[in-house]
Amino acid sequence: MALIDDVLKAGPVPLLGLGVAALALPYFFPALRPQFAAVFKSGAKLFLEAELGADEAIADRLVDAAVNALFQATAHGTEEERKQKAEKQVERFVSRAHAGARRRGWDEQDAERRFHRKMRKLDHALERARQRADPRQRAALVHASESLAKRRPKQKPSSPPRLEQPPVHSPAARSS
């Protein structure tokens, strides 16, 4: 373990050297290729699981903070003030969720998926929060849900709709 600690503390140059050596080793020793492939796949899976787990934890914290802020913001004031405060908190959540999704997304589509996941999480959290809220806050939380629904971007179609073509063996296709 001391050797690993020394390598990690040394900086990026030793790590880069180890990476190059790990990539070159199967080239010089072909018998190690299956083991290297298995190690590489396992490492990639672990990385992706950790990255997705971290993203879920970040989304959960963001949603919890938004719901708590909604409860605090809608605790006092008139009904119209509570609705305005709720809308402001939803707007704040949407901007933070969008920024975080763009920052952590691998590409534009991944960023959109992450953003939609956070929006769904807040929507579900708002449904649960309405059940435990007092009647004065319930109207503001309903307004927050409606405001969230308005800000939800429309899903882009993944591919253009396909035009139906007549079957090759139909009577119309034979006569023409």
Protein backbone atom coordinates (compact mmCIF):
# COMPACT_ATOMS: atom_id res chain seq x y z
CA MET A 1 0.00 0.00 0.00
CA ALA A 2 2.89 2.34 0.63
CA LEU A 3 3.98 1.97 -3.00
CA ILE A 4 0.52 2.96 -4.24
CA ASP A 5 0.46 5.96 -1.89
CA ASP A 6 3.89 7.05 -3.14
CA VAL A 7 2.82 6.79 -6.79
CA LEU A 8 -0.39 8.71 -6.19
CA LYS A 9 1.41 11.47 -4.28
CA ALA A 10 4.15 11.81 -6.91
CA GLY A 11 1.90 13.57 -9.43
CA PRO A 12 0.63 12.96 -12.94
CA VAL A 13 3.91 11.90 -14.60
CA PRO A 14 4.23 8.51 -12.82
CA LEU A 15 0.54 7.84 -13.38
CA LEU A 16 0.92 8.63 -17.07
CA GLY A 17 3.91 6.28 -17.22
CA LEU A 18 1.93 3.51 -15.56
CA GLY A 19 -0.90 4.04 -18.02
CA VAL A 20 1.43 3.80 -21.01
CA ALA A 21 3.05 0.68 -19.54
CA ALA A 22 -0.35 -0.90 -18.94
CA LEU A 23 -1.37 -0.23 -22.53
CA ALA A 24 1.95 -1.47 -23.97
CA LEU A 25 2.15 -4.64 -21.87
CA PRO A 26 -0.47 -6.62 -23.87
CA TYR A 27 1.22 -5.54 -27.10
CA PHE A 28 4.54 -7.07 -26.10
CA PHE A 29 2.97 -10.06 -24.33
CA PRO A 30 -0.03 -11.21 -26.44
CA ALA A 31 -0.90 -13.90 -23.88
CA LEU A 32 -1.96 -11.11 -21.49
CA ARG A 33 -4.54 -9.61 -23.88
CA PRO A 34 -7.60 -11.51 -22.56
CA GLN A 35 -6.73 -10.62 -18.96
CA PHE A 36 -6.06 -7.01 -19.93
CA ALA A 37 -9.40 -6.82 -21.74
CA ALA A 38 -11.21 -8.18 -18.68
CA VAL A 39 -9.45 -5.71 -16.37
CA PHE A 40 -10.16 -2.83 -18.74
CA LYS A 41 -13.87 -3.70 -18.99
CA SER A 42 -14.15 -4.06 -15.23
CA GLY A 43 -12.47 -0.72 -14.72
CA ALA A 44 -14.77 0.96 -17.22
CA LYS A 45 -17.84 -0.55 -15.55
CA LEU A 46 -16.67 0.57 -12.11
CA PHE A 47 -16.00 4.08 -13.40
CA LEU A 48 -19.44 4.35 -15.03
CA GLU A 49 -21.22 2.99 -11.96
CA ALA A 50 -19.37 5.43 -9.72
CA GLU A 51 -20.05 8.32 -12.06
CA LEU A 52 -23.76 7.51 -12.35
CA GLY A 53 -24.02 6.95 -8.60
CA ALA A 54 -22.41 10.30 -7.95
CA ASP A 55 -24.77 11.97 -10.41
CA GLU A 56 -27.78 10.40 -8.66
CA ALA A 57 -26.51 11.57 -5.27
CA ILE A 58 -25.98 15.10 -6.61
CA ALA A 59 -29.48 15.10 -8.11
CA ASP A 60 -30.98 13.88 -4.82
CA ARG A 61 -29.21 16.62 -2.86
CA LEU A 62 -30.32 19.25 -5.38
CA VAL A 63 -33.95 18.08 -5.17
CA ASP A 64 -33.88 17.91 -1.37
CA ALA A 65 -32.46 21.42 -1.18
CA ALA A 66 -35.13 22.70 -3.58
CA VAL A 67 -37.98 21.10 -1.61
CA ASN A 68 -36.61 22.43 1.69
CA ALA A 69 -36.26 25.90 0.15
CA LEU A 70 -39.84 25.66 -1.11
CA PHE A 71 -41.08 24.78 2.37
CA GLN A 72 -39.18 27.69 3.91
CA ALA A 73 -40.20 30.15 1.20
CA THR A 74 -43.88 29.24 1.36
CA ALA A 75 -44.18 29.23 5.16
CA HIS A 76 -45.23 32.88 5.47
CA GLY A 77 -46.99 35.57 3.50
CA THR A 78 -50.13 35.83 1.47
CA GLU A 79 -51.15 33.16 -0.98
CA GLU A 80 -49.94 35.23 -3.95
CA GLU A 81 -46.56 35.89 -2.27
CA ARG A 82 -46.16 32.18 -1.54
CA LYS A 83 -46.89 31.35 -5.18
CA GLN A 84 -44.34 33.91 -6.38
CA LYS A 85 -41.73 32.54 -3.98
CA ALA A 86 -42.48 29.00 -5.11
CA GLU A 87 -42.10 29.98 -8.76
CA LYS A 88 -38.79 31.68 -8.01
CA GLN A 89 -37.50 28.53 -6.27
CA VAL A 90 -38.57 26.36 -9.22
CA GLU A 91 -36.82 28.74 -11.61
CA ARG A 92 -33.69 28.54 -9.47
CA PHE A 93 -33.83 24.72 -9.46
CA VAL A 94 -34.30 24.55 -13.24
CA SER A 95 -31.32 26.80 -13.90
CA ARG A 96 -29.10 24.82 -11.51
CA ALA A 97 -30.25 21.48 -12.90
CA HIS A 98 -29.64 22.64 -16.46
CA ALA A 99 -26.19 24.00 -15.64
CA GLY A 100 -25.21 20.84 -13.76
CA ALA A 101 -26.46 18.59 -16.55
CA ARG A 102 -24.49 20.53 -19.18
CA ARG A 103 -21.38 20.47 -16.99
CA ARG A 104 -21.50 16.73 -16.25
CA GLY A 105 -23.04 15.46 -19.48
CA TRP A 106 -20.84 13.56 -21.92
CA ASP A 107 -22.60 15.12 -24.88
CA GLU A 108 -25.75 17.12 -25.59
CA GLN A 109 -28.05 14.09 -25.46
CA ASP A 110 -26.58 12.87 -22.18
CA ALA A 111 -26.96 16.36 -20.71
CA GLU A 112 -30.63 16.38 -21.77
CA ARG A 113 -31.21 12.96 -20.17
CA ARG A 114 -29.60 14.11 -16.93
CA PHE A 115 -31.67 17.29 -16.92
CA HIS A 116 -34.93 15.40 -17.53
CA ARG A 117 -34.05 12.95 -14.74
CA LYS A 118 -33.60 15.83 -12.29
CA MET A 119 -36.88 17.39 -13.39
CA ARG A 120 -38.71 14.09 -12.84
CA LYS A 121 -37.11 13.72 -9.42
CA LEU A 122 -38.30 17.17 -8.36
CA ASP A 123 -41.77 16.47 -9.74
CA HIS A 124 -42.02 13.29 -7.63
CA ALA A 125 -40.60 15.07 -4.60
CA LEU A 126 -43.18 17.83 -4.97
CA GLU A 127 -45.97 15.24 -5.07
CA ARG A 128 -44.70 13.73 -1.81
CA ALA A 129 -44.20 17.18 -0.27
CA ARG A 130 -47.79 18.21 -1.01
CA GLN A 131 -49.05 15.32 1.10
CA ARG A 132 -47.14 16.41 4.19
CA ALA A 133 -47.57 20.19 3.72
CA ASP A 134 -50.06 22.24 5.63
CA PRO A 135 -53.05 23.55 3.67
CA ARG A 136 -51.58 27.06 3.23
CA GLN A 137 -48.44 25.68 1.62
CA ARG A 138 -50.25 23.08 -0.47
CA ALA A 139 -51.55 25.69 -2.95
CA ALA A 140 -48.04 27.09 -3.40
CA LEU A 141 -46.62 23.59 -3.97
CA VAL A 142 -49.32 22.88 -6.56
CA HIS A 143 -48.34 26.14 -8.25
CA ALA A 144 -44.70 25.04 -8.11
CA SER A 145 -45.61 21.76 -9.85
CA GLU A 146 -47.49 23.66 -12.54
CA SER A 147 -44.57 26.04 -12.95
CA LEU A 148 -42.21 23.08 -13.27
CA ALA A 149 -44.44 21.53 -15.93
CA LYS A 150 -44.34 24.79 -17.94
CA ARG A 151 -40.54 24.91 -17.80
CA ARG A 152 -40.09 21.31 -18.84
CA PRO A 153 -38.61 21.33 -22.34
CA LYS A 154 -40.35 19.40 -25.06
CA GLN A 155 -38.83 16.03 -25.93
CA LYS A 156 -37.10 16.11 -29.28
CA PRO A 157 -38.00 13.24 -31.59
CA SER A 158 -35.05 10.89 -31.93
CA SER A 159 -35.65 10.25 -35.61
CA PRO A 160 -38.02 11.62 -38.23
CA PRO A 161 -41.25 9.69 -38.68
CA ARG A 162 -41.01 7.01 -41.31
CA LEU A 163 -43.29 7.13 -44.28
CA GLU A 164 -45.17 3.95 -44.89
CA GLN A 165 -44.51 2.34 -48.23
CA PRO A 166 -46.80 -0.20 -49.83
CA PRO A 167 -45.64 -3.80 -49.67
CA VAL A 168 -43.74 -5.02 -52.70
CA HIS A 169 -46.25 -7.76 -53.51
CA SER A 170 -49.39 -5.59 -53.38
CA PRO A 171 -51.62 -5.29 -56.47
CA ALA A 172 -50.88 -1.54 -56.70
CA ALA A 173 -47.14 -2.20 -56.86
CA ARG A 174 -47.52 -4.84 -59.61
CA SER A 175 -49.66 -2.70 -61.91
CA SER A 176 -47.25 0.25 -61.95
